[in-house]
Protein backbone atom coordinates (compact mmCIF):
# COMPACT_ATOMS: atom_id res chain seq x y z
CA UNK A 1 -49.32 63.55 10.06
CA UNK A 2 -49.93 65.14 6.68
CA UNK A 3 -52.71 62.67 5.96
CA UNK A 4 -54.37 63.52 9.26
CA UNK A 5 -54.21 67.23 8.51
CA UNK A 6 -55.58 66.64 5.01
CA UNK A 7 -58.44 64.62 6.49
CA UNK A 8 -59.17 67.36 9.00
CA UNK A 9 -59.19 69.99 6.27
CA UNK A 10 -61.50 67.77 4.24
CA UNK A 11 -63.76 67.43 7.29
CA UNK A 12 -63.83 71.19 7.72
CA UNK A 13 -64.92 71.55 4.11
CA UNK A 14 -67.70 69.01 4.70
CA UNK A 15 -68.81 70.91 7.79
CA UNK A 16 -68.82 74.10 5.73
CA UNK A 17 -71.01 72.46 3.09
CA UNK A 18 -73.29 71.09 5.78
CA UNK A 19 -73.74 74.58 7.21
CA UNK A 20 -74.74 75.81 3.80
CA UNK A 21 -77.25 72.98 3.50
CA UNK A 22 -78.75 73.77 6.94
CA UNK A 23 -77.36 70.76 8.80
CA UNK A 24 -75.72 72.87 11.53
CA UNK A 25 -78.05 71.61 14.29
CA UNK A 26 -77.38 67.99 13.44
CA UNK A 27 -73.64 68.61 13.47
CA UNK A 28 -73.92 70.26 16.90
CA UNK A 29 -75.87 67.25 18.18
CA UNK A 30 -73.24 64.90 16.80
CA UNK A 31 -70.46 66.95 18.40
CA UNK A 32 -72.29 66.85 21.75
CA UNK A 33 -72.68 63.08 21.45
CA UNK A 34 -69.01 62.73 20.59
CA UNK A 35 -68.10 64.80 23.66
CA UNK A 36 -70.34 62.60 25.83
CA UNK A 37 -68.74 59.47 24.40
CA UNK A 38 -65.29 60.91 25.00
CA UNK A 39 -66.17 61.54 28.67
CA UNK A 40 -67.53 58.01 29.02
CA UNK A 41 -64.42 56.51 27.44
CA UNK A 42 -62.14 58.53 29.72
CA UNK A 43 -64.18 57.47 32.76
CA UNK A 44 -64.02 53.82 31.69
CA UNK A 45 -60.27 54.07 31.17
CA UNK A 46 -59.86 55.53 34.67
CA UNK A 47 -61.99 52.80 36.24
CA UNK A 48 -60.17 50.06 34.31
CA UNK A 49 -56.80 51.41 35.46
CA UNK A 50 -58.07 51.44 39.04
CA UNK A 51 -59.26 47.84 38.79
CA UNK A 52 -55.93 46.79 37.30
CA UNK A 53 -54.04 48.44 40.20
CA UNK A 54 -56.25 46.73 42.77
CA UNK A 55 -55.81 43.35 41.09
CA UNK A 56 -52.04 43.84 41.00
CA UNK A 57 -51.89 44.73 44.71
CA UNK A 58 -54.14 41.76 45.54
CA UNK A 59 -51.75 39.46 43.66
CA UNK A 60 -48.78 40.90 45.57
CA UNK A 61 -50.69 40.35 48.81
CA UNK A 62 -51.39 36.71 47.96
CA UNK A 63 -47.74 36.11 47.08
CA UNK A 64 -46.62 37.74 50.33
CA UNK A 65 -49.12 35.65 52.30
CA UNK A 66 -47.76 32.40 50.82
CA UNK A 67 -44.16 33.46 51.44
CA UNK A 68 -45.06 34.06 55.08
CA UNK A 69 -46.87 30.71 55.37
CA UNK A 70 -43.98 28.79 53.77
CA UNK A 71 -41.43 30.73 55.82
CA UNK A 72 -43.22 29.98 59.09
CA UNK A 73 -43.46 26.30 58.15
CA UNK A 74 -39.75 26.05 57.32
CA UNK A 75 -38.84 28.04 60.42
CA UNK A 76 -41.00 25.85 62.65
CA UNK A 77 -39.39 22.71 61.19
CA UNK A 78 -35.92 24.21 61.72
CA UNK A 79 -36.63 24.87 65.40
CA UNK A 80 -38.58 21.65 66.03
CA UNK A 81 -36.14 19.33 64.24
CA UNK A 82 -33.73 19.06 67.22
CA UNK A 83 -36.66 18.03 69.41
CA UNK A 84 -37.71 15.38 66.90
CA UNK A 85 -34.13 14.09 66.66
CA UNK A 86 -33.98 13.87 70.46
CA UNK A 87 -37.25 11.92 70.59
CA UNK A 88 -36.06 9.54 67.84
CA UNK A 89 -32.76 8.94 69.69
CA UNK A 90 -34.58 8.36 72.98
CA UNK A 91 -36.97 5.91 71.32
CA UNK A 92 -34.15 4.09 69.57
CA UNK A 93 -32.23 3.92 72.87
CA UNK A 94 -35.26 2.45 74.64
CA UNK A 95 -36.06 -0.11 71.97
CA UNK A 96 -32.42 -0.86 71.10
CA UNK A 97 -33.13 -0.28 67.41
CA UNK A 98 -32.43 2.38 64.90
CA UNK A 99 -34.39 5.59 64.52
CA UNK A 100 -36.00 4.35 61.35
CA UNK A 101 -38.10 1.91 63.40
CA UNK A 102 -40.06 4.89 64.71
CA UNK A 103 -40.86 6.03 61.19
CA UNK A 104 -41.84 2.48 60.20
CA UNK A 105 -44.11 2.37 63.25
CA UNK A 106 -45.72 5.65 62.24
CA UNK A 107 -46.21 4.36 58.68
CA UNK A 108 -47.93 1.23 59.96
CA UNK A 109 -50.69 3.35 61.51
């Protein structure tokens, strides 16, 4: 902190010397440019933060979408599995074989 204050005091002395040398207009121009740059940097920081938020919410949306897709798939299999088991048992009862014959038949196609 002390170094920063010493640098600022040194800067003030330089500004004082520049005023004596007639460089006051150039210093004002530089200060205006610094203010413009500061505004641009603040604006860029705001826009970057906004983009980061949007990207984060988009990622959460994609994750939620895949959880829903996987959940629906697992839920559909859970509710359809008894029907599949019934079909396999009916087929095995008709053919007199085991249920694995149906899966072997499906694999052959």
